[in-house]
Amino acid sequence: SFSGGSFKLSYYNEYKSYLRMLRSASRSLVRRAMPRTVSRTSLRPAVSAGLRTFSTGQVLKRATARAVMATASQPCRFLSGNYPAHFRIDMPALSPTMESGTIVSWAVNEGDELGDGDLLAQIETDKATMDFETPEVGYLAKIILPAGTSDVKLGTPVCIIVENQEDIAAFADYTAEAAPAAAAPAAAPTAPPPPPPPAPSAAPPPPPAPPASPAPVAASPPSPVPDFAPDSRILASPMARTLAARKGIDLSKLASSGPDGVIRAADIEAAAAATPAAAPPAADSSVLPVTPSLQPDGSFTEIPLTGMRKAIAKRLTQSKQEVPHYYLTIDIAIDDLLGVRSKLNAAADGEYKLSVTDFLIKACSKALVDVPEANSQWAETSIKQFHNADISVAVATDSGLITPIVFTANKKGLQQINTDMNDLKEKAVSGKLQPHEFQGGTFTISNLGMMGIDHFTAVINPPQSCILAVGSPAKKLVPADNEKGFNVQTTMSVSLSCDHRVVDGAVGAKWLAKLKSYLENPLKMLL
């Protein structure tokens, strides 16, 4: 991960491959940042002098974001007899988990000039719709895939950029089929097909041979075993190598979908799924197959799946199948919290307007610091226990649910949390969230109280270990030692979903007790 101020970017299981991509991208970014007449030997002092005007956080945030964008599409320069020199721009990997994308819109038209940092297109990833800046300076000669094209695999050509304006006309009839394939390892020469066997000649059946002693049967050669010896020429992520060893797949025979030719875990799963399975037994022709009843035409509307909806389905299914959930529920009195909130908003003079969610984020972050066992993640061979509370908050959008993150909430005040949340909500609804703003997090809050839901349980957002489901406040009668014998109390029901591999029941109960103490006595959050 990289950190600079509030900037944070995690690459999860593809960490090593993306580090290599960033190192390559940094050199590419520096070359693009300088005039073409500057020699490489003079780049180092020039860049060093320029970077001194920025803080470390600014340099790291901008350089990393631009480096990822610069190499995400991996532009290839081609020279051929049919077309002038040109750059083929492929579908970029705009997030570590992206496998395909949808071209939402093109920001420029064919023939337009492209400068450094100009917006080229908007692409919907598995998480959000993101801006894709042009990786090359020149002119947009051809849009290969029009806006609205969905399920475009990584590495698929999407457009052509040329350096000279007079070369644009040569690509008027350019098609995706004309795009040369990316460089791949040379295939082994194929042997010529064997000659056809001679046609059998008609002959009378031979007489039966006398019985003889059985001849020794030659031992059949052992089945070839894939060679898993480490090969520096095969680039694969650690998870991909582990899966290949388990499933008996030879990495040298796989095509990669990752950046810089890196074989990813998804490539192994695809190869395993493509392996032909044993043929099922022949069905009995006397038994008629059962045909499922079909809905009449026009009685439903088939809605295509977006990249975000596919990602939500995949991750939540994985969570319920692999994460052992358990649930803890508690009622919290929030009369004092509502009173403090009203006083603070009245004194804000319109500068801010605190919500109950802002108090929940602060209280959860304080409780996570007090009970760090709940601020942890399962890592197969270890448990990661985090020092800061990065709170993900579920936000509903038209395209699906997304969880922007309030980083280091334990170190922020209520006003700063409120400002961060307002900015993140606005970006989430408009589809402008950047990957580092919603990938990561150590704890999630899902609040359906504003929709009138009294109580619910939420699905854990992997790789996190806990998620808090918040219901709607309601007034209840509680016993009291007074003349009436009761008091009217505003109560809110919350349910904590925990990963039992990481958080034991007693730890979850301890964390909920801490949360209850902060919300029922909100002034304690100031200590």
Protein backbone atom coordinates (compact mmCIF):
# COMPACT_ATOMS: atom_id res chain seq x y z
CA SER A 1 0.00 0.00 0.00
CA PHE A 2 0.99 3.63 -0.48
CA SER A 3 0.17 6.44 1.94
CA GLY A 4 0.53 10.19 1.45
CA GLY A 5 -1.63 12.43 3.66
CA SER A 6 -5.13 11.03 3.33
CA PHE A 7 -4.19 9.16 0.13
CA LYS A 8 -4.21 5.42 0.35
CA LEU A 9 -4.13 2.71 -2.31
CA SER A 10 -4.17 -1.05 -1.70
CA TYR A 11 -3.48 -3.72 -4.27
CA TYR A 12 -4.37 -6.80 -2.17
CA ASN A 13 -3.23 -10.05 -3.74
CA GLU A 14 -1.77 -8.38 -6.86
CA TYR A 15 0.63 -6.31 -4.72
CA LYS A 16 3.90 -7.48 -6.27
CA SER A 17 2.74 -7.28 -9.87
CA TYR A 18 1.44 -3.75 -9.41
CA LEU A 19 4.67 -2.65 -7.77
CA ARG A 20 6.48 -3.74 -10.88
CA MET A 21 3.93 -1.88 -12.99
CA LEU A 22 4.41 1.31 -10.94
CA ARG A 23 8.18 1.17 -11.28
CA SER A 24 7.79 0.95 -15.04
CA ALA A 25 5.14 3.64 -15.00
CA SER A 26 7.27 6.13 -13.07
CA ARG A 27 9.86 6.13 -15.84
CA SER A 28 7.14 6.50 -18.46
CA LEU A 29 5.52 9.33 -16.50
CA VAL A 30 8.77 11.27 -16.21
CA ARG A 31 9.40 10.99 -19.94
CA ARG A 32 5.90 12.28 -20.69
CA ALA A 33 6.27 15.16 -18.23
CA MET A 34 9.37 16.58 -20.00
CA PRO A 35 9.64 18.05 -23.51
CA ARG A 36 10.59 15.55 -26.19
CA THR A 37 13.84 17.46 -26.88
CA VAL A 38 15.20 16.84 -23.38
CA SER A 39 17.70 14.00 -23.20
CA ARG A 40 17.32 11.22 -20.66
CA THR A 41 20.56 12.17 -18.92
CA SER A 42 19.08 15.54 -17.98
CA LEU A 43 15.79 14.20 -16.65
CA ARG A 44 16.96 13.39 -13.11
CA PRO A 45 18.06 16.91 -12.00
CA ALA A 46 15.11 18.52 -13.79
CA VAL A 47 12.57 16.29 -12.09
CA SER A 48 14.23 16.63 -8.68
CA ALA A 49 14.07 20.42 -8.94
CA GLY A 50 10.40 20.29 -9.93
CA LEU A 51 9.36 17.94 -7.14
CA ARG A 52 10.83 20.16 -4.44
CA THR A 53 7.89 22.55 -4.92
CA PHE A 54 5.43 19.90 -3.71
CA SER A 55 4.96 18.14 -0.40
CA THR A 56 5.75 14.43 -0.12
CA GLY A 57 2.07 13.54 0.09
CA GLN A 58 1.22 15.59 -3.01
CA VAL A 59 4.04 14.04 -5.03
CA LEU A 60 3.16 10.50 -3.98
CA LYS A 61 -0.56 10.93 -4.56
CA ARG A 62 -0.20 12.52 -8.00
CA ALA A 63 2.68 10.36 -9.18
CA THR A 64 0.99 7.12 -8.19
CA ALA A 65 -2.37 8.04 -9.72
CA ARG A 66 -0.78 9.29 -12.94
CA ALA A 67 1.60 6.33 -13.10
CA VAL A 68 -1.25 3.85 -12.84
CA MET A 69 -3.20 5.76 -15.47
CA ALA A 70 -0.17 6.04 -17.74
CA THR A 71 0.52 2.32 -17.80
CA ALA A 72 -3.01 0.99 -17.31
CA SER A 73 -3.65 0.88 -21.04
CA GLN A 74 -0.12 -0.29 -21.96
CA PRO A 75 -0.07 1.57 -25.31
CA CYS A 76 1.86 -0.24 -28.03
CA ARG A 77 3.50 1.59 -30.94
CA PHE A 78 3.09 -0.25 -34.22
CA LEU A 79 4.78 0.10 -37.59
CA SER A 80 3.37 -1.75 -40.58
CA GLY A 81 3.19 -1.44 -44.32
CA ASN A 82 -0.59 -0.98 -44.29
CA TYR A 83 -0.85 1.80 -41.72
CA PRO A 84 1.34 4.70 -40.57
CA ALA A 85 3.05 4.57 -37.18
CA HIS A 86 0.39 4.59 -34.48
CA PHE A 87 -0.37 3.77 -30.85
CA ARG A 88 -2.94 1.09 -30.11
CA ILE A 89 -4.74 1.82 -26.82
CA ASP A 90 -6.12 -1.24 -25.04
CA MET A 91 -8.76 -1.53 -22.33
CA PRO A 92 -6.90 -0.40 -19.18
CA ALA A 93 -6.88 -1.96 -15.72
CA LEU A 94 -8.26 0.92 -13.66
CA SER A 95 -8.58 -1.09 -10.46
CA PRO A 96 -6.64 -4.06 -9.04
CA THR A 97 -9.67 -6.36 -9.27
CA MET A 98 -10.88 -5.24 -12.70
CA GLU A 99 -11.17 -7.98 -15.33
CA SER A 100 -13.42 -6.23 -17.87
CA GLY A 101 -15.04 -2.85 -18.31
CA THR A 102 -17.77 -0.91 -20.09
CA ILE A 103 -17.04 2.15 -22.21
CA VAL A 104 -19.59 4.62 -20.87
CA SER A 105 -18.66 7.54 -23.13
CA TRP A 106 -15.88 9.02 -25.23
CA ALA A 107 -14.79 12.52 -24.20
CA VAL A 108 -13.28 13.30 -27.63
CA ASN A 109 -14.18 12.60 -31.23
CA GLU A 110 -12.15 11.08 -34.01
CA GLY A 111 -9.70 13.65 -35.36
CA ASP A 112 -9.46 15.63 -32.09
CA GLU A 113 -6.06 16.56 -30.73
CA LEU A 114 -5.00 14.98 -27.43
CA GLY A 115 -2.73 16.71 -24.96
CA ASP A 116 -1.02 15.40 -21.85
CA GLY A 117 -3.63 14.63 -19.18
CA ASP A 118 -6.66 15.14 -21.46
CA LEU A 119 -9.72 13.04 -20.67
CA LEU A 120 -10.08 10.28 -23.26
CA ALA A 121 -13.09 8.26 -22.06
CA GLN A 122 -15.18 7.25 -19.08
CA ILE A 123 -14.97 3.56 -18.23
CA GLU A 124 -17.17 1.62 -15.82
CA THR A 125 -15.08 -0.82 -13.78
CA ASP A 126 -16.26 -3.43 -11.31
CA LYS A 127 -16.44 -0.67 -8.69
CA ALA A 128 -17.25 2.70 -10.24
CA THR A 129 -17.22 4.81 -13.39
CA MET A 130 -13.76 6.31 -13.77
CA ASP A 131 -12.09 8.89 -16.00
CA PHE A 132 -9.41 7.51 -18.32
CA GLU A 133 -6.77 10.03 -19.38
CA THR A 134 -4.98 9.68 -22.68
CA PRO A 135 -1.70 7.78 -22.28
CA GLU A 136 -0.23 9.35 -25.44
CA VAL A 137 -0.06 12.82 -26.99
CA GLY A 138 -1.29 13.14 -30.56
CA TYR A 139 -4.58 12.78 -32.43
CA LEU A 140 -7.44 10.33 -31.97
CA ALA A 141 -7.45 8.54 -35.33
CA LYS A 142 -10.01 5.79 -34.71
CA ILE A 143 -12.51 4.75 -32.04
CA ILE A 144 -12.59 0.96 -32.36
CA LEU A 145 -15.25 0.26 -29.72
CA PRO A 146 -18.13 2.77 -29.48
CA ALA A 147 -19.65 4.09 -26.28
CA GLY A 148 -21.90 1.58 -24.58
CA THR A 149 -19.77 -1.46 -25.41
CA SER A 150 -19.85 -3.70 -22.34
CA ASP A 151 -17.80 -6.60 -20.99
CA VAL A 152 -14.64 -5.45 -22.76
CA LYS A 153 -11.82 -7.68 -21.53
CA LEU A 154 -8.53 -6.18 -20.41
CA GLY A 155 -6.11 -5.79 -23.29
CA THR A 156 -8.83 -5.43 -25.95
CA PRO A 157 -8.03 -2.60 -28.42
CA VAL A 158 -10.37 0.37 -27.92
CA CYS A 159 -8.86 3.19 -30.00
CA ILE A 160 -5.93 4.32 -32.13
CA ILE A 161 -3.78 7.44 -31.56
CA VAL A 162 -1.37 8.87 -34.13
CA GLU A 163 1.31 11.51 -33.75
CA ASN A 164 0.70 13.32 -37.05
CA GLN A 165 -2.65 14.78 -38.05
CA GLU A 166 -2.21 13.80 -41.71
CA ASP A 167 -2.16 10.10 -40.67
CA ILE A 168 -5.76 10.17 -39.41
CA ALA A 169 -7.33 9.47 -42.81
CA ALA A 170 -5.40 6.20 -43.15
CA PHE A 171 -7.41 4.69 -40.27
CA ALA A 172 -10.89 5.51 -41.59
CA ASP A 173 -11.61 1.84 -42.32
CA TYR A 174 -9.55 0.41 -39.45
CA THR A 175 -11.31 -2.43 -37.62
CA ALA A 176 -10.64 -4.45 -34.49
CA GLU A 177 -9.70 -7.43 -36.68
CA ALA A 178 -6.89 -5.35 -38.18
CA ALA A 179 -5.39 -4.69 -34.76
CA PRO A 180 -2.23 -6.77 -34.36
CA ALA A 181 -2.17 -9.16 -31.46
CA ALA A 182 -0.05 -8.30 -28.45
CA ALA A 183 3.35 -9.88 -28.28
CA ALA A 184 3.15 -13.45 -27.03
CA PRO A 185 5.71 -16.18 -26.51
CA ALA A 186 6.58 -17.91 -29.76
CA ALA A 187 4.63 -21.08 -30.15
CA ALA A 188 6.48 -24.30 -30.60
CA PRO A 189 6.59 -25.45 -34.24
CA THR A 190 3.82 -27.86 -34.95
CA ALA A 191 4.72 -31.22 -36.33
CA PRO A 192 3.34 -32.11 -39.77
CA PRO A 193 0.20 -34.21 -39.60
CA PRO A 194 0.87 -37.94 -39.75
CA PRO A 195 0.09 -39.66 -43.04
CA PRO A 196 -3.35 -41.24 -43.19
CA PRO A 197 -3.40 -44.92 -42.29
CA PRO A 198 -3.70 -47.33 -45.21
CA ALA A 199 -7.19 -48.44 -46.06
CA PRO A 200 -7.95 -51.89 -44.68
CA SER A 201 -8.11 -54.53 -47.40
CA ALA A 202 -10.82 -57.12 -47.42
CA ALA A 203 -9.50 -60.46 -46.25
CA PRO A 204 -11.05 -63.68 -44.95
CA PRO A 205 -11.10 -64.01 -41.19
CA PRO A 206 -8.02 -65.83 -39.88
CA PRO A 207 -8.48 -69.23 -38.26
CA PRO A 208 -8.63 -69.23 -34.48
CA ALA A 209 -5.14 -69.28 -32.96
CA PRO A 210 -4.25 -71.92 -30.43
CA PRO A 211 -4.14 -70.77 -26.83
CA ALA A 212 -0.78 -69.40 -25.82
CA SER A 213 0.78 -68.16 -22.66
CA PRO A 214 -0.02 -64.52 -22.03
CA ALA A 215 2.69 -62.15 -23.23
CA PRO A 216 4.15 -59.72 -20.73
CA VAL A 217 2.34 -56.39 -20.83
CA ALA A 218 4.63 -53.39 -21.28
CA ALA A 219 4.27 -50.81 -18.55
CA SER A 220 2.53 -47.69 -19.81
CA PRO A 221 4.61 -44.53 -19.55
CA PRO A 222 3.68 -42.33 -16.63
CA SER A 223 1.45 -39.36 -17.32
CA PRO A 224 3.41 -36.17 -17.88
CA VAL A 225 3.53 -34.03 -14.78
CA PRO A 226 3.51 -30.26 -15.22
CA ASP A 227 6.83 -28.71 -14.46
CA PHE A 228 6.41 -26.20 -11.67
CA ALA A 229 10.06 -25.29 -11.37
CA PRO A 230 10.40 -21.54 -10.97
CA ASP A 231 10.96 -19.82 -14.32
CA SER A 232 11.94 -16.19 -14.38
CA ARG A 233 10.29 -15.78 -17.77
CA ILE A 234 6.85 -16.67 -16.41
CA LEU A 235 5.28 -13.72 -14.60
CA ALA A 236 2.56 -14.77 -12.20
CA SER A 237 1.17 -13.50 -8.91
CA PRO A 238 1.82 -15.61 -5.79
CA MET A 239 -1.84 -16.62 -5.57
CA ALA A 240 -1.81 -17.70 -9.22
CA ARG A 241 1.24 -19.91 -8.64
CA THR A 242 -0.38 -21.50 -5.60
CA LEU A 243 -3.63 -22.24 -7.46
CA ALA A 244 -1.72 -23.61 -10.45
CA ALA A 245 0.17 -26.02 -8.22
CA ARG A 246 -3.06 -27.20 -6.57
CA LYS A 247 -4.95 -27.68 -9.82
CA GLY A 248 -2.04 -29.14 -11.83
CA ILE A 249 -1.97 -26.37 -14.44
CA ASP A 250 1.19 -25.49 -16.38
CA LEU A 251 1.75 -21.73 -16.16
CA SER A 252 3.80 -21.67 -19.36
CA LYS A 253 0.74 -22.68 -21.40
CA LEU A 254 -1.57 -19.95 -20.11
CA ALA A 255 -2.36 -16.58 -21.64
CA SER A 256 -2.23 -13.73 -19.14
CA SER A 257 -4.84 -11.00 -18.60
CA GLY A 258 -2.86 -8.93 -16.12
CA PRO A 259 -0.62 -5.92 -16.72
CA ASP A 260 2.85 -6.57 -18.17
CA GLY A 261 1.85 -10.14 -19.03
CA VAL A 262 1.33 -11.15 -15.39
CA ILE A 263 -0.76 -14.29 -14.93
CA ARG A 264 -3.46 -13.70 -12.32
CA ALA A 265 -5.57 -15.98 -10.19
CA ALA A 266 -8.53 -15.37 -12.52
CA ASP A 267 -6.52 -16.87 -15.39
CA ILE A 268 -5.98 -20.07 -13.38
CA GLU A 269 -9.68 -20.32 -12.52
CA ALA A 270 -10.60 -19.82 -16.18
CA ALA A 271 -8.15 -22.52 -17.28
CA ALA A 272 -9.49 -24.92 -14.66
CA ALA A 273 -13.07 -24.25 -15.76
CA ALA A 274 -12.13 -24.88 -19.38
CA THR A 275 -10.69 -28.33 -18.60
CA PRO A 276 -13.10 -30.90 -20.05
CA ALA A 277 -14.85 -32.90 -17.38
CA ALA A 278 -15.72 -36.58 -17.57
CA ALA A 279 -18.66 -37.28 -19.86
CA PRO A 280 -21.89 -37.89 -17.94
CA PRO A 281 -23.57 -41.28 -18.31
CA ALA A 282 -25.90 -41.61 -21.26
CA ALA A 283 -29.44 -40.65 -20.42
CA ASP A 284 -32.16 -43.25 -20.61
CA SER A 285 -34.11 -42.48 -23.78
CA SER A 286 -37.24 -43.96 -22.25
CA VAL A 287 -37.33 -41.25 -19.59
CA LEU A 288 -38.62 -37.91 -20.84
CA PRO A 289 -36.69 -34.86 -19.58
CA VAL A 290 -38.51 -32.50 -17.27
CA THR A 291 -38.93 -29.13 -18.96
CA PRO A 292 -39.11 -26.18 -16.55
CA SER A 293 -42.11 -23.96 -16.95
CA LEU A 294 -41.36 -20.71 -18.77
CA GLN A 295 -42.84 -17.32 -18.05
CA PRO A 296 -44.96 -15.98 -20.89
CA ASP A 297 -43.34 -13.41 -23.17
CA GLY A 298 -43.72 -9.83 -22.04
CA SER A 299 -44.22 -10.69 -18.36
CA PHE A 300 -40.71 -9.60 -17.32
CA THR A 301 -37.89 -7.27 -18.28
CA GLU A 302 -34.36 -8.66 -18.56
CA ILE A 303 -31.88 -6.12 -17.17
CA PRO A 304 -28.23 -6.52 -18.25
CA LEU A 305 -25.72 -6.83 -15.42
CA THR A 306 -23.36 -3.94 -14.88
CA GLY A 307 -19.76 -4.45 -13.82
CA MET A 308 -20.58 -3.18 -10.32
CA ARG A 309 -23.53 -5.55 -9.94
CA LYS A 310 -21.37 -8.50 -11.00
CA ALA A 311 -18.70 -7.50 -8.48
CA ILE A 312 -21.28 -7.16 -5.68
CA ALA A 313 -22.75 -10.58 -6.47
CA LYS A 314 -19.33 -12.23 -6.59
CA ARG A 315 -17.98 -10.69 -3.37
CA LEU A 316 -21.08 -11.18 -1.25
CA THR A 317 -21.52 -14.76 -2.43
CA GLN A 318 -17.88 -15.39 -1.54
CA SER A 319 -18.45 -13.78 1.86
CA LYS A 320 -21.45 -15.95 2.77
CA GLN A 321 -19.74 -19.11 1.50
CA GLU A 322 -16.29 -18.63 3.04
CA VAL A 323 -16.75 -16.37 6.08
CA PRO A 324 -18.34 -17.94 9.19
CA HIS A 325 -20.81 -15.21 10.20
CA TYR A 326 -22.38 -14.75 13.59
CA TYR A 327 -24.54 -11.87 14.82
CA LEU A 328 -24.84 -9.81 18.01
CA THR A 329 -27.66 -7.32 18.62
CA ILE A 330 -28.02 -4.61 21.24
CA ASP A 331 -30.35 -1.63 21.89
CA ILE A 332 -28.75 1.77 22.54
CA ALA A 333 -30.41 4.82 24.10
CA ILE A 334 -29.52 7.89 22.02
CA ASP A 335 -31.46 10.69 23.74
CA ASP A 336 -28.25 12.37 24.98
CA LEU A 337 -26.63 11.95 21.56
CA LEU A 338 -29.59 13.62 19.83
CA GLY A 339 -29.42 16.45 22.36
CA VAL A 340 -25.70 17.05 21.78
CA ARG A 341 -26.24 16.88 18.02
CA SER A 342 -28.98 19.52 18.19
CA LYS A 343 -26.82 21.87 20.24
CA LEU A 344 -23.80 21.51 17.96
CA ASN A 345 -25.86 22.08 14.82
CA ALA A 346 -27.52 25.13 16.36
CA ALA A 347 -24.10 26.60 17.14
CA ALA A 348 -22.68 25.78 13.68
CA ASP A 349 -24.31 28.84 12.04
CA GLY A 350 -24.78 26.82 8.83
CA GLU A 351 -21.12 25.80 8.60
CA TYR A 352 -21.98 22.12 9.05
CA LYS A 353 -24.88 19.85 9.91
CA LEU A 354 -23.95 16.77 11.87
CA SER A 355 -25.88 13.53 11.31
CA VAL A 356 -26.33 10.46 13.47
CA THR A 357 -24.02 8.62 11.04
CA ASP A 358 -21.21 11.07 11.85
CA PHE A 359 -21.52 10.18 15.55
CA LEU A 360 -21.65 6.47 14.64
CA ILE A 361 -18.42 6.74 12.63
CA LYS A 362 -16.64 8.47 15.50
CA ALA A 363 -17.99 6.07 18.14
CA CYS A 364 -17.07 3.00 16.06
CA SER A 365 -13.54 4.29 15.50
CA LYS A 366 -13.06 4.91 19.23
CA ALA A 367 -14.39 1.44 20.07
CA LEU A 368 -12.05 -0.15 17.50
CA VAL A 369 -9.07 1.54 19.14
CA ASP A 370 -10.23 0.29 22.54
CA VAL A 371 -10.85 -3.24 21.23
CA PRO A 372 -8.23 -3.74 18.47
CA GLU A 373 -9.14 -7.43 18.09
CA ALA A 374 -12.26 -6.26 16.22
CA ASN A 375 -10.14 -4.05 13.97
CA SER A 376 -8.49 -7.04 12.31
CA GLN A 377 -8.55 -9.14 9.16
CA TRP A 378 -8.02 -12.81 8.37
CA ALA A 379 -4.88 -13.35 6.22
CA GLU A 380 -4.79 -17.18 5.95
CA THR A 381 -1.44 -17.56 7.73
CA SER A 382 -1.87 -14.65 10.15
CA ILE A 383 -4.30 -12.05 11.47
CA LYS A 384 -3.70 -8.40 10.56
CA GLN A 385 -4.51 -6.05 13.42
CA PHE A 386 -4.73 -2.41 12.32
CA HIS A 387 -3.62 0.60 14.34
CA ASN A 388 -6.07 3.09 12.79
CA ALA A 389 -9.80 2.82 12.14
CA ASP A 390 -10.63 3.29 8.45
CA ILE A 391 -14.43 3.24 8.41
CA SER A 392 -16.27 2.17 5.26
CA VAL A 393 -19.83 3.51 5.02
CA ALA A 394 -22.35 1.82 2.72
CA VAL A 395 -23.87 4.28 0.23
CA ALA A 396 -26.70 3.27 -2.12
CA THR A 397 -26.38 4.46 -5.73
CA ASP A 398 -28.42 3.83 -8.87
CA SER A 399 -25.88 1.25 -10.07
CA GLY A 400 -25.45 -0.55 -6.73
CA LEU A 401 -23.94 -0.37 -3.28
CA ILE A 402 -20.50 1.15 -2.74
CA THR A 403 -18.54 1.75 0.46
CA PRO A 404 -16.45 4.95 0.49
CA ILE A 405 -13.96 5.18 3.34
CA VAL A 406 -13.36 7.76 6.06
CA PHE A 407 -9.67 7.16 6.73
CA THR A 408 -8.19 7.46 10.26
CA ALA A 409 -11.59 8.35 11.68
CA ASN A 410 -10.18 7.79 15.18
CA LYS A 411 -7.98 10.88 14.68
CA LYS A 412 -10.67 13.16 13.24
CA GLY A 413 -13.30 15.33 14.85
CA LEU A 414 -17.01 15.24 14.11
CA GLN A 415 -16.85 18.26 11.81
CA GLN A 416 -14.06 16.75 9.68
CA ILE A 417 -15.89 13.42 9.52
CA ASN A 418 -19.02 15.25 8.38
CA THR A 419 -17.08 17.09 5.66
CA ASP A 420 -15.44 13.89 4.43
CA MET A 421 -18.75 12.01 4.33
CA ASN A 422 -20.53 14.75 2.39
CA ASP A 423 -17.76 14.79 -0.22
CA LEU A 424 -17.69 10.99 -0.48
CA LYS A 425 -21.48 10.71 -0.82
CA GLU A 426 -21.52 13.29 -3.60
CA LYS A 427 -18.77 11.45 -5.48
CA ALA A 428 -20.45 8.08 -4.93
CA VAL A 429 -23.82 9.21 -6.31
CA SER A 430 -22.19 10.86 -9.34
CA GLY A 431 -19.88 7.88 -9.94
CA LYS A 432 -16.70 9.92 -9.43
CA LEU A 433 -15.09 7.94 -6.62
CA GLN A 434 -11.45 7.02 -7.20
CA PRO A 435 -10.25 3.49 -6.33
CA HIS A 436 -8.31 4.60 -3.24
CA GLU A 437 -11.51 6.17 -1.86
CA PHE A 438 -13.49 2.92 -1.68
CA GLN A 439 -10.93 0.08 -1.67
CA GLY A 440 -9.64 -0.98 1.71
CA GLY A 441 -11.17 -0.03 5.04
CA THR A 442 -11.04 -1.97 8.29
CA PHE A 443 -14.71 -1.78 9.39
CA THR A 444 -18.05 -1.09 7.71
CA ILE A 445 -21.25 0.69 8.79
CA SER A 446 -24.55 0.07 7.00
CA ASN A 447 -27.33 2.40 8.17
CA LEU A 448 -30.90 1.76 6.98
CA GLY A 449 -32.48 3.69 9.82
CA MET A 450 -33.41 6.61 7.57
CA MET A 451 -35.49 4.17 5.51
CA GLY A 452 -37.58 3.06 8.47
CA ILE A 453 -35.91 -0.33 9.00
CA ASP A 454 -35.97 -1.24 12.69
CA HIS A 455 -33.51 -4.14 12.61
CA PHE A 456 -31.46 -6.12 10.08
CA THR A 457 -28.19 -8.03 9.78
CA ALA A 458 -25.57 -7.24 7.15
CA VAL A 459 -23.16 -9.37 5.11
CA ILE A 460 -19.49 -8.87 5.98
CA ASN A 461 -17.48 -6.93 3.40
CA PRO A 462 -14.36 -9.10 2.86
CA PRO A 463 -11.56 -8.98 3.79
CA GLN A 464 -12.94 -7.05 6.78
CA SER A 465 -14.06 -8.95 9.86
CA CYS A 466 -17.01 -6.87 11.09
CA ILE A 467 -19.92 -4.83 9.79
CA LEU A 468 -22.44 -2.87 11.90
CA ALA A 469 -26.09 -2.78 10.80
CA VAL A 470 -27.95 0.25 12.19
CA GLY A 471 -31.73 0.42 12.51
CA SER A 472 -34.18 3.29 12.88
CA PRO A 473 -34.50 5.12 16.22
CA ALA A 474 -37.82 4.52 17.98
CA LYS A 475 -39.39 5.74 21.21
CA LYS A 476 -39.97 3.03 23.80
CA LEU A 477 -41.28 2.84 27.34
CA VAL A 478 -38.67 1.69 29.84
CA PRO A 479 -39.19 1.02 33.56
CA ALA A 480 -38.16 3.90 35.83
CA ASP A 481 -38.24 4.74 39.53
CA ASN A 482 -40.63 7.69 39.34
CA GLU A 483 -44.29 8.49 39.86
CA LYS A 484 -45.29 7.16 36.43
CA GLY A 485 -43.12 4.07 36.76
CA PHE A 486 -41.67 4.50 33.28
CA ASN A 487 -39.76 6.84 30.98
CA VAL A 488 -40.01 7.43 27.25
CA GLN A 489 -36.61 6.65 25.71
CA THR A 490 -35.32 6.92 22.13
CA THR A 491 -33.69 3.59 21.34
CA MET A 492 -31.72 2.44 18.33
CA SER A 493 -31.09 -1.23 17.54
CA VAL A 494 -27.68 -2.19 16.10
CA SER A 495 -26.45 -5.61 14.98
CA LEU A 496 -22.80 -6.58 14.62
CA SER A 497 -21.88 -9.26 12.06
CA CYS A 498 -18.52 -10.86 12.89
CA ASP A 499 -16.09 -13.23 11.22
CA HIS A 500 -15.69 -16.01 13.80
CA ARG A 501 -12.22 -16.84 12.48
CA VAL A 502 -10.98 -13.50 13.79
CA VAL A 503 -13.49 -12.11 16.29
CA ASP A 504 -14.72 -14.40 19.06
CA GLY A 505 -18.14 -13.90 20.57
CA ALA A 506 -16.75 -12.39 23.77
CA VAL A 507 -14.68 -9.90 21.74
CA GLY A 508 -17.73 -8.88 19.72
CA ALA A 509 -19.74 -8.39 22.90
CA LYS A 510 -16.93 -6.31 24.42
CA TRP A 511 -16.79 -4.11 21.34
CA LEU A 512 -20.57 -3.54 21.38
CA ALA A 513 -20.38 -2.56 25.06
CA LYS A 514 -17.75 0.07 24.19
CA LEU A 515 -19.88 1.38 21.33
CA LYS A 516 -22.92 1.60 23.61
CA SER A 517 -20.96 3.59 26.21
CA TYR A 518 -19.79 6.14 23.62
CA LEU A 519 -23.21 6.61 22.01
CA GLU A 520 -25.11 6.84 25.30
CA ASN A 521 -22.50 9.24 26.71
CA PRO A 522 -21.35 11.17 23.60
CA LEU A 523 -19.15 13.56 25.60
CA LYS A 524 -16.81 10.62 26.26
CA MET A 525 -15.82 10.78 22.57
CA LEU A 526 -14.13 14.10 23.32
CA LEU A 527 -11.70 12.51 25.79
